[in-house]
Amino acid sequence: AFAPGPLMAVYYASKAYVLSLSRALAAEVGGAGVIVTAVCPG
């Protein structure tokens, strides 16, 4: 999610989306009793 991925372009782009969405949701639900976590394995 942290870099573009030549030869895996769509996969890398999809994970950048997941990270961005998750961080945005985590901010939106702060204080609502809900935890949103993006997990980024290597």
PDB file of all heavy atoms in Angstrom:
ATOM      1  N   ALA A   1       0.806  -1.220   0.000  1.00  0.00           N
ATOM      2  CA  ALA A   1       0.000   0.000   0.000  1.00  0.00           C
ATOM      3  C   ALA A   1       0.837   1.267   0.000  1.00  0.00           C
ATOM      4  O   ALA A   1       0.336   2.342  -0.328  1.00  0.00           O
ATOM      5  CB  ALA A   1      -0.918   0.011   1.224  1.00  0.00           C
ATOM      6  N   PHE A   2       2.112   1.148   0.343  1.00  0.00           N
ATOM      7  CA  PHE A   2       2.957   2.327   0.512  1.00  0.00           C
ATOM      8  C   PHE A   2       3.766   2.683  -0.728  1.00  0.00           C
ATOM      9  O   PHE A   2       4.556   3.630  -0.710  1.00  0.00           O
ATOM     10  CB  PHE A   2       3.915   2.117   1.693  1.00  0.00           C
ATOM     11  CG  PHE A   2       3.219   1.956   3.010  1.00  0.00           C
ATOM     12  CD1 PHE A   2       3.001   0.698   3.550  1.00  0.00           C
ATOM     13  CD2 PHE A   2       2.763   3.066   3.714  1.00  0.00           C
ATOM     14  CE1 PHE A   2       2.353   0.540   4.767  1.00  0.00           C
ATOM     15  CE2 PHE A   2       2.116   2.922   4.931  1.00  0.00           C
ATOM     16  CZ  PHE A   2       1.908   1.662   5.458  1.00  0.00           C
ATOM     17  N   ALA A   3       3.600   1.924  -1.811  1.00  0.00           N
ATOM     18  CA  ALA A   3       4.384   2.180  -3.021  1.00  0.00           C
ATOM     19  C   ALA A   3       3.649   1.653  -4.236  1.00  0.00           C
ATOM     20  O   ALA A   3       2.811   0.757  -4.119  1.00  0.00           O
ATOM     21  CB  ALA A   3       5.753   1.505  -2.917  1.00  0.00           C
ATOM     22  N   PRO A   4       3.953   2.176  -5.439  1.00  0.00           N
ATOM     23  CA  PRO A   4       3.397   1.579  -6.650  1.00  0.00           C
ATOM     24  C   PRO A   4       4.060   0.231  -6.901  1.00  0.00           C
ATOM     25  O   PRO A   4       5.155  -0.034  -6.416  1.00  0.00           O
ATOM     26  CB  PRO A   4       3.751   2.592  -7.741  1.00  0.00           C
ATOM     27  CG  PRO A   4       4.984   3.265  -7.225  1.00  0.00           C
ATOM     28  CD  PRO A   4       4.820   3.333  -5.724  1.00  0.00           C
ATOM     29  N   GLY A   5       3.408  -0.642  -7.660  1.00  0.00           N
ATOM     30  CA  GLY A   5       3.932  -1.985  -7.853  1.00  0.00           C
ATOM     31  C   GLY A   5       3.989  -2.424  -9.302  1.00  0.00           C
ATOM     32  O   GLY A   5       3.115  -3.172  -9.755  1.00  0.00           O
ATOM     33  N   PRO A   6       5.004  -1.998 -10.050  1.00  0.00           N
ATOM     34  CA  PRO A   6       5.140  -2.519 -11.405  1.00  0.00           C
ATOM     35  C   PRO A   6       5.148  -4.050 -11.409  1.00  0.00           C
ATOM     36  O   PRO A   6       5.771  -4.670 -10.553  1.00  0.00           O
ATOM     37  CB  PRO A   6       6.502  -1.967 -11.855  1.00  0.00           C
ATOM     38  CG  PRO A   6       6.701  -0.739 -11.023  1.00  0.00           C
ATOM     39  CD  PRO A   6       6.091  -1.064  -9.689  1.00  0.00           C
ATOM     40  N   LEU A   7       4.420  -4.637 -12.336  1.00  0.00           N
ATOM     41  CA  LEU A   7       4.213  -6.080 -12.495  1.00  0.00           C
ATOM     42  C   LEU A   7       3.211  -6.643 -11.500  1.00  0.00           C
ATOM     43  O   LEU A   7       2.899  -7.826 -11.555  1.00  0.00           O
ATOM     44  CB  LEU A   7       5.532  -6.865 -12.433  1.00  0.00           C
ATOM     45  CG  LEU A   7       6.567  -6.499 -13.502  1.00  0.00           C
ATOM     46  CD1 LEU A   7       7.788  -7.408 -13.386  1.00  0.00           C
ATOM     47  CD2 LEU A   7       5.974  -6.598 -14.907  1.00  0.00           C
ATOM     48  N   MET A   8       2.721  -5.813 -10.589  1.00  0.00           N
ATOM     49  CA  MET A   8       1.570  -6.182  -9.751  1.00  0.00           C
ATOM     50  C   MET A   8       0.734  -4.921  -9.538  1.00  0.00           C
ATOM     51  O   MET A   8       0.289  -4.615  -8.439  1.00  0.00           O
ATOM     52  CB  MET A   8       2.011  -6.773  -8.410  1.00  0.00           C
ATOM     53  CG  MET A   8       2.653  -8.148  -8.518  1.00  0.00           C
ATOM     54  SD  MET A   8       2.881  -8.975  -6.920  1.00  0.00           S
ATOM     55  CE  MET A   8       1.193  -9.521  -6.580  1.00  0.00           C
ATOM     56  N   ALA A   9       0.529  -4.189 -10.609  1.00  0.00           N
ATOM     57  CA  ALA A   9      -0.015  -2.836 -10.530  1.00  0.00           C
ATOM     58  C   ALA A   9      -1.385  -2.777  -9.867  1.00  0.00           C
ATOM     59  O   ALA A   9      -1.638  -1.931  -9.003  1.00  0.00           O
ATOM     60  CB  ALA A   9      -0.082  -2.219 -11.931  1.00  0.00           C
ATOM     61  N   VAL A  10      -2.297  -3.670 -10.253  1.00  0.00           N
ATOM     62  CA  VAL A  10      -3.660  -3.615  -9.726  1.00  0.00           C
ATOM     63  C   VAL A  10      -3.678  -4.026  -8.253  1.00  0.00           C
ATOM     64  O   VAL A  10      -4.364  -3.403  -7.433  1.00  0.00           O
ATOM     65  CB  VAL A  10      -4.605  -4.500 -10.556  1.00  0.00           C
ATOM     66  CG1 VAL A  10      -6.010  -4.496  -9.968  1.00  0.00           C
ATOM     67  CG2 VAL A  10      -4.655  -4.010 -11.995  1.00  0.00           C
ATOM     68  N   TYR A  11      -2.929  -5.052  -7.914  1.00  0.00           N
ATOM     69  CA  TYR A  11      -2.872  -5.496  -6.510  1.00  0.00           C
ATOM     70  C   TYR A  11      -2.335  -4.385  -5.610  1.00  0.00           C
ATOM     71  O   TYR A  11      -2.940  -4.072  -4.573  1.00  0.00           O
ATOM     72  CB  TYR A  11      -2.005  -6.740  -6.384  1.00  0.00           C
ATOM     73  CG  TYR A  11      -1.779  -7.144  -4.942  1.00  0.00           C
ATOM     74  CD1 TYR A  11      -2.793  -7.773  -4.231  1.00  0.00           C
ATOM     75  CD2 TYR A  11      -0.582  -6.869  -4.292  1.00  0.00           C
ATOM     76  CE1 TYR A  11      -2.614  -8.134  -2.902  1.00  0.00           C
ATOM     77  CE2 TYR A  11      -0.391  -7.224  -2.967  1.00  0.00           C
ATOM     78  CZ  TYR A  11      -1.401  -7.856  -2.275  1.00  0.00           C
ATOM     79  OH  TYR A  11      -1.221  -8.191  -0.948  1.00  0.00           O
ATOM     80  N   TYR A  12      -1.211  -3.782  -5.971  1.00  0.00           N
ATOM     81  CA  TYR A  12      -0.640  -2.719  -5.144  1.00  0.00           C
ATOM     82  C   TYR A  12      -1.628  -1.556  -5.014  1.00  0.00           C
ATOM     83  O   TYR A  12      -1.804  -1.002  -3.927  1.00  0.00           O
ATOM     84  CB  TYR A  12       0.678  -2.218  -5.751  1.00  0.00           C
ATOM     85  CG  TYR A  12       1.897  -2.994  -5.320  1.00  0.00           C
ATOM     86  CD1 TYR A  12       2.008  -4.369  -5.568  1.00  0.00           C
ATOM     87  CD2 TYR A  12       2.963  -2.366  -4.694  1.00  0.00           C
ATOM     88  CE1 TYR A  12       3.132  -5.082  -5.196  1.00  0.00           C
ATOM     89  CE2 TYR A  12       4.097  -3.065  -4.307  1.00  0.00           C
ATOM     90  CZ  TYR A  12       4.176  -4.430  -4.562  1.00  0.00           C
ATOM     91  OH  TYR A  12       5.288  -5.135  -4.182  1.00  0.00           O
ATOM     92  N   ALA A  13      -2.267  -1.195  -6.126  1.00  0.00           N
ATOM     93  CA  ALA A  13      -3.237  -0.094  -6.093  1.00  0.00           C
ATOM     94  C   ALA A  13      -4.418  -0.437  -5.193  1.00  0.00           C
ATOM     95  O   ALA A  13      -4.937   0.416  -4.463  1.00  0.00           O
ATOM     96  CB  ALA A  13      -3.708   0.231  -7.504  1.00  0.00           C
ATOM     97  N   SER A  14      -4.848  -1.709  -5.228  1.00  0.00           N
ATOM     98  CA  SER A  14      -5.979  -2.109  -4.387  1.00  0.00           C
ATOM     99  C   SER A  14      -5.632  -1.988  -2.906  1.00  0.00           C
ATOM    100  O   SER A  14      -6.478  -1.592  -2.093  1.00  0.00           O
ATOM    101  CB  SER A  14      -6.416  -3.539  -4.721  1.00  0.00           C
ATOM    102  OG  SER A  14      -5.517  -4.517  -4.213  1.00  0.00           O
ATOM    103  N   LYS A  15      -4.408  -2.309  -2.546  1.00  0.00           N
ATOM    104  CA  LYS A  15      -4.013  -2.237  -1.138  1.00  0.00           C
ATOM    105  C   LYS A  15      -3.809  -0.792  -0.691  1.00  0.00           C
ATOM    106  O   LYS A  15      -4.040  -0.457   0.485  1.00  0.00           O
ATOM    107  CB  LYS A  15      -2.758  -3.074  -0.900  1.00  0.00           C
ATOM    108  CG  LYS A  15      -3.004  -4.573  -1.071  1.00  0.00           C
ATOM    109  CD  LYS A  15      -4.143  -5.065  -0.173  1.00  0.00           C
ATOM    110  CE  LYS A  15      -4.397  -6.539  -0.289  1.00  0.00           C
ATOM    111  NZ  LYS A  15      -5.486  -7.014   0.597  1.00  0.00           N
ATOM    112  N   ALA A  16      -3.409   0.083  -1.603  1.00  0.00           N
ATOM    113  CA  ALA A  16      -3.350   1.511  -1.272  1.00  0.00           C
ATOM    114  C   ALA A  16      -4.751   2.027  -0.954  1.00  0.00           C
ATOM    115  O   ALA A  16      -4.954   2.823  -0.027  1.00  0.00           O
ATOM    116  CB  ALA A  16      -2.742   2.292  -2.436  1.00  0.00           C
ATOM    117  N   TYR A  17      -5.739   1.559  -1.712  1.00  0.00           N
ATOM    118  CA  TYR A  17      -7.137   1.921  -1.441  1.00  0.00           C
ATOM    119  C   TYR A  17      -7.565   1.429  -0.062  1.00  0.00           C
ATOM    120  O   TYR A  17      -8.187   2.172   0.710  1.00  0.00           O
ATOM    121  CB  TYR A  17      -8.040   1.322  -2.516  1.00  0.00           C
ATOM    122  CG  TYR A  17      -9.516   1.503  -2.229  1.00  0.00           C
ATOM    123  CD1 TYR A  17     -10.204   2.626  -2.677  1.00  0.00           C
ATOM    124  CD2 TYR A  17     -10.224   0.553  -1.491  1.00  0.00           C
ATOM    125  CE1 TYR A  17     -11.557   2.800  -2.399  1.00  0.00           C
ATOM    126  CE2 TYR A  17     -11.564   0.712  -1.207  1.00  0.00           C
ATOM    127  CZ  TYR A  17     -12.226   1.834  -1.670  1.00  0.00           C
ATOM    128  OH  TYR A  17     -13.561   2.012  -1.373  1.00  0.00           O
ATOM    129  N   VAL A  18      -7.258   0.178   0.251  1.00  0.00           N
ATOM    130  CA  VAL A  18      -7.655  -0.389   1.542  1.00  0.00           C
ATOM    131  C   VAL A  18      -7.051   0.407   2.693  1.00  0.00           C
ATOM    132  O   VAL A  18      -7.734   0.719   3.678  1.00  0.00           O
ATOM    133  CB  VAL A  18      -7.245  -1.874   1.639  1.00  0.00           C
ATOM    134  CG1 VAL A  18      -7.486  -2.415   3.046  1.00  0.00           C
ATOM    135  CG2 VAL A  18      -8.014  -2.696   0.615  1.00  0.00           C
ATOM    136  N   LEU A  19      -5.788   0.749   2.583  1.00  0.00           N
ATOM    137  CA  LEU A  19      -5.131   1.525   3.646  1.00  0.00           C
ATOM    138  C   LEU A  19      -5.772   2.899   3.782  1.00  0.00           C
ATOM    139  O   LEU A  19      -6.079   3.345   4.899  1.00  0.00           O
ATOM    140  CB  LEU A  19      -3.643   1.659   3.342  1.00  0.00           C
ATOM    141  CG  LEU A  19      -2.832   2.496   4.334  1.00  0.00           C
ATOM    142  CD1 LEU A  19      -2.876   1.907   5.745  1.00  0.00           C
ATOM    143  CD2 LEU A  19      -1.384   2.641   3.861  1.00  0.00           C
ATOM    144  N   SER A  20      -5.995   3.575   2.676  1.00  0.00           N
ATOM    145  CA  SER A  20      -6.583   4.919   2.718  1.00  0.00           C
ATOM    146  C   SER A  20      -7.998   4.892   3.294  1.00  0.00           C
ATOM    147  O   SER A  20      -8.359   5.706   4.155  1.00  0.00           O
ATOM    148  CB  SER A  20      -6.591   5.518   1.310  1.00  0.00           C
ATOM    149  OG  SER A  20      -7.150   6.818   1.320  1.00  0.00           O
ATOM    150  N   LEU A  21      -8.820   3.949   2.824  1.00  0.00           N
ATOM    151  CA  LEU A  21     -10.187   3.834   3.332  1.00  0.00           C
ATOM    152  C   LEU A  21     -10.181   3.557   4.833  1.00  0.00           C
ATOM    153  O   LEU A  21     -10.931   4.179   5.594  1.00  0.00           O
ATOM    154  CB  LEU A  21     -10.921   2.714   2.597  1.00  0.00           C
ATOM    155  CG  LEU A  21     -12.333   2.418   3.116  1.00  0.00           C
ATOM    156  CD1 LEU A  21     -13.284   3.551   2.767  1.00  0.00           C
ATOM    157  CD2 LEU A  21     -12.850   1.089   2.552  1.00  0.00           C
ATOM    158  N   SER A  22      -9.346   2.634   5.256  1.00  0.00           N
ATOM    159  CA  SER A  22      -9.322   2.247   6.669  1.00  0.00           C
ATOM    160  C   SER A  22      -8.925   3.415   7.559  1.00  0.00           C
ATOM    161  O   SER A  22      -9.524   3.632   8.618  1.00  0.00           O
ATOM    162  CB  SER A  22      -8.357   1.067   6.867  1.00  0.00           C
ATOM    163  OG  SER A  22      -8.725  -0.030   6.075  1.00  0.00           O
ATOM    164  N   ARG A  23      -7.916   4.154   7.150  1.00  0.00           N
ATOM    165  CA  ARG A  23      -7.480   5.305   7.954  1.00  0.00           C
ATOM    166  C   ARG A  23      -8.572   6.365   8.035  1.00  0.00           C
ATOM    167  O   ARG A  23      -8.775   6.979   9.078  1.00  0.00           O
ATOM    168  CB  ARG A  23      -6.197   5.887   7.359  1.00  0.00           C
ATOM    169  CG  ARG A  23      -4.962   5.036   7.643  1.00  0.00           C
ATOM    170  CD  ARG A  23      -3.727   5.600   6.967  1.00  0.00           C
ATOM    171  NE  ARG A  23      -2.512   5.053   7.555  1.00  0.00           N
ATOM    172  CZ  ARG A  23      -1.289   5.289   7.073  1.00  0.00           C
ATOM    173  NH1 ARG A  23      -1.132   6.057   5.991  1.00  0.00           N
ATOM    174  NH2 ARG A  23      -0.219   4.773   7.667  1.00  0.00           N
ATOM    175  N   ALA A  24      -9.275   6.567   6.924  1.00  0.00           N
ATOM    176  CA  ALA A  24     -10.360   7.546   6.928  1.00  0.00           C
ATOM    177  C   ALA A  24     -11.492   7.093   7.853  1.00  0.00           C
ATOM    178  O   ALA A  24     -12.027   7.891   8.638  1.00  0.00           O
ATOM    179  CB  ALA A  24     -10.888   7.749   5.508  1.00  0.00           C
ATOM    180  N   LEU A  25     -11.855   5.815   7.779  1.00  0.00           N
ATOM    181  CA  LEU A  25     -12.919   5.310   8.645  1.00  0.00           C
ATOM    182  C   LEU A  25     -12.508   5.376  10.115  1.00  0.00           C
ATOM    183  O   LEU A  25     -13.335   5.687  10.980  1.00  0.00           O
ATOM    184  CB  LEU A  25     -13.275   3.869   8.264  1.00  0.00           C
ATOM    185  CG  LEU A  25     -13.878   3.660   6.875  1.00  0.00           C
ATOM    186  CD1 LEU A  25     -14.229   2.188   6.671  1.00  0.00           C
ATOM    187  CD2 LEU A  25     -15.101   4.534   6.667  1.00  0.00           C
ATOM    188  N   ALA A  26     -11.242   5.077  10.394  1.00  0.00           N
ATOM    189  CA  ALA A  26     -10.768   5.148  11.778  1.00  0.00           C
ATOM    190  C   ALA A  26     -10.950   6.551  12.342  1.00  0.00           C
ATOM    191  O   ALA A  26     -11.328   6.725  13.509  1.00  0.00           O
ATOM    192  CB  ALA A  26      -9.300   4.728  11.844  1.00  0.00           C
ATOM    193  N   ALA A  27     -10.708   7.562  11.496  1.00  0.00           N
ATOM    194  CA  ALA A  27     -10.897   8.943  11.943  1.00  0.00           C
ATOM    195  C   ALA A  27     -12.373   9.273  12.120  1.00  0.00           C
ATOM    196  O   ALA A  27     -12.766   9.950  13.075  1.00  0.00           O
ATOM    197  CB  ALA A  27     -10.259   9.901  10.933  1.00  0.00           C
ATOM    198  N   GLU A  28     -13.207   8.767  11.215  1.00  0.00           N
ATOM    199  CA  GLU A  28     -14.641   9.063  11.284  1.00  0.00           C
ATOM    200  C   GLU A  28     -15.302   8.479  12.532  1.00  0.00           C
ATOM    201  O   GLU A  28     -16.212   9.088  13.095  1.00  0.00           O
ATOM    202  CB  GLU A  28     -15.352   8.530  10.043  1.00  0.00           C
ATOM    203  CG  GLU A  28     -15.042   9.293   8.774  1.00  0.00           C
ATOM    204  CD  GLU A  28     -15.864   8.798   7.597  1.00  0.00           C
ATOM    205  OE1 GLU A  28     -16.823   8.025   7.818  1.00  0.00           O
ATOM    206  OE2 GLU A  28     -15.555   9.193   6.456  1.00  0.00           O
ATOM    207  N   VAL A  29     -14.869   7.294  12.952  1.00  0.00           N
ATOM    208  CA  VAL A  29     -15.545   6.619  14.060  1.00  0.00           C
ATOM    209  C   VAL A  29     -14.842   6.831  15.396  1.00  0.00           C
ATOM    210  O   VAL A  29     -15.219   6.227  16.401  1.00  0.00           O
ATOM    211  CB  VAL A  29     -15.687   5.099  13.801  1.00  0.00           C
ATOM    212  CG1 VAL A  29     -16.478   4.850  12.529  1.00  0.00           C
ATOM    213  CG2 VAL A  29     -14.318   4.410  13.741  1.00  0.00           C
ATOM    214  N   GLY A  30     -13.840   7.681  15.419  1.00  0.00           N
ATOM    215  CA  GLY A  30     -13.154   7.959  16.674  1.00  0.00           C
ATOM    216  C   GLY A  30     -14.135   8.451  17.726  1.00  0.00           C
ATOM    217  O   GLY A  30     -14.919   9.369  17.489  1.00  0.00           O
ATOM    218  N   GLY A  31     -14.155   7.816  18.893  1.00  0.00           N
ATOM    219  CA  GLY A  31     -15.069   8.200  19.965  1.00  0.00           C
ATOM    220  C   GLY A  31     -16.416   7.518  19.888  1.00  0.00           C
ATOM    221  O   GLY A  31     -17.267   7.720  20.759  1.00  0.00           O
ATOM    222  N   ALA A  32     -16.626   6.677  18.854  1.00  0.00           N
ATOM    223  CA  ALA A  32     -17.916   6.004  18.694  1.00  0.00           C
ATOM    224  C   ALA A  32     -17.897   4.584  19.236  1.00  0.00           C
ATOM    225  O   ALA A  32     -18.873   3.846  19.064  1.00  0.00           O
ATOM    226  CB  ALA A  32     -18.315   5.988  17.218  1.00  0.00           C
ATOM    227  N   GLY A  33     -16.799   4.199  19.869  1.00  0.00           N
ATOM    228  CA  GLY A  33     -16.713   2.845  20.406  1.00  0.00           C
ATOM    229  C   GLY A  33     -16.348   1.794  19.388  1.00  0.00           C
ATOM    230  O   GLY A  33     -16.450   0.596  19.649  1.00  0.00           O
ATOM    231  N   VAL A  34     -15.925   2.221  18.192  1.00  0.00           N
ATOM    232  CA  VAL A  34     -15.579   1.304  17.105  1.00  0.00           C
ATOM    233  C   VAL A  34     -14.110   1.521  16.732  1.00  0.00           C
ATOM    234  O   VAL A  34     -13.652   2.654  16.623  1.00  0.00           O
ATOM    235  CB  VAL A  34     -16.467   1.535  15.871  1.00  0.00           C
ATOM    236  CG1 VAL A  34     -16.092   0.571  14.747  1.00  0.00           C
ATOM    237  CG2 VAL A  34     -17.937   1.394  16.237  1.00  0.00           C
ATOM    238  N   ILE A  35     -13.387   0.442  16.528  1.00  0.00           N
ATOM    239  CA  ILE A  35     -11.977   0.502  16.144  1.00  0.00           C
ATOM    240  C   ILE A  35     -11.826  -0.026  14.731  1.00  0.00           C
ATOM    241  O   ILE A  35     -12.280  -1.127  14.419  1.00  0.00           O
ATOM    242  CB  ILE A  35     -11.100  -0.329  17.104  1.00  0.00           C
ATOM    243  CG1 ILE A  35     -11.183   0.220  18.526  1.00  0.00           C
ATOM    244  CG2 ILE A  35      -9.639  -0.345  16.630  1.00  0.00           C
ATOM    245  CD1 ILE A  35     -10.579  -0.697  19.564  1.00  0.00           C
ATOM    246  N   VAL A  36     -11.199   0.761  13.864  1.00  0.00           N
ATOM    247  CA  VAL A  36     -10.893   0.322  12.506  1.00  0.00           C
ATOM    248  C   VAL A  36      -9.378   0.256  12.363  1.00  0.00           C
ATOM    249  O   VAL A  36      -8.684   1.239  12.616  1.00  0.00           O
ATOM    250  CB  VAL A  36     -11.490   1.265  11.448  1.00  0.00           C
ATOM    251  CG1 VAL A  36     -11.118   0.785  10.035  1.00  0.00           C
ATOM    252  CG2 VAL A  36     -13.005   1.358  11.589  1.00  0.00           C
ATOM    253  N   THR A  37      -8.886  -0.904  11.952  1.00  0.00           N
ATOM    254  CA  THR A  37      -7.444  -1.133  11.858  1.00  0.00           C
ATOM    255  C   THR A  37      -7.082  -1.625  10.466  1.00  0.00           C
ATOM    256  O   THR A  37      -7.688  -2.568   9.951  1.00  0.00           O
ATOM    257  CB  THR A  37      -6.993  -2.203  12.873  1.00  0.00           C
ATOM    258  OG1 THR A  37      -7.377  -1.803  14.185  1.00  0.00           O
ATOM    259  CG2 THR A  37      -5.482  -2.400  12.824  1.00  0.00           C
ATOM    260  N   ALA A  38      -6.090  -0.986   9.869  1.00  0.00           N
ATOM    261  CA  ALA A  38      -5.494  -1.486   8.632  1.00  0.00           C
ATOM    262  C   ALA A  38      -4.231  -2.254   9.007  1.00  0.00           C
ATOM    263  O   ALA A  38      -3.346  -1.715   9.670  1.00  0.00           O
ATOM    264  CB  ALA A  38      -5.140  -0.336   7.699  1.00  0.00           C
ATOM    265  N   VAL A  39      -4.167  -3.504   8.594  1.00  0.00           N
ATOM    266  CA  VAL A  39      -2.996  -4.338   8.865  1.00  0.00           C
ATOM    267  C   VAL A  39      -2.172  -4.441   7.583  1.00  0.00           C
ATOM    268  O   VAL A  39      -2.712  -4.768   6.513  1.00  0.00           O
ATOM    269  CB  VAL A  39      -3.402  -5.740   9.340  1.00  0.00           C
ATOM    270  CG1 VAL A  39      -2.171  -6.618   9.553  1.00  0.00           C
ATOM    271  CG2 VAL A  39      -4.219  -5.636  10.621  1.00  0.00           C
ATOM    272  N   CYS A  40      -0.884  -4.159   7.697  1.00  0.00           N
ATOM    273  CA  CYS A  40      -0.007  -4.118   6.531  1.00  0.00           C
ATOM    274  C   CYS A  40       1.140  -5.112   6.681  1.00  0.00           C
ATOM    275  O   CYS A  40       2.220  -4.770   7.167  1.00  0.00           O
ATOM    276  CB  CYS A  40       0.555  -2.709   6.340  1.00  0.00           C
ATOM    277  SG  CYS A  40      -0.709  -1.431   6.142  1.00  0.00           S
ATOM    278  N   PRO A  41       0.924  -6.365   6.302  1.00  0.00           N
ATOM    279  CA  PRO A  41       2.016  -7.338   6.330  1.00  0.00           C
ATOM    280  C   PRO A  41       2.956  -7.137   5.146  1.00  0.00           C
ATOM    281  O   PRO A  41       2.554  -6.629   4.091  1.00  0.00           O
ATOM    282  CB  PRO A  41       1.305  -8.690   6.218  1.00  0.00           C
ATOM    283  CG  PRO A  41      -0.172  -8.388   6.240  1.00  0.00           C
ATOM    284  CD  PRO A  41      -0.327  -6.965   5.849  1.00  0.00           C
ATOM    285  N   GLY A  42       4.197  -7.569   5.320  1.00  0.00           N
ATOM    286  CA  GLY A  42       5.107  -7.716   4.201  1.00  0.00           C
ATOM    287  C   GLY A  42       5.003  -9.141   3.675  1.00  0.00           C
ATOM    288  O   GLY A  42       3.983  -9.810   3.877  1.00  0.00           O
TER     289      GLY A  42
END
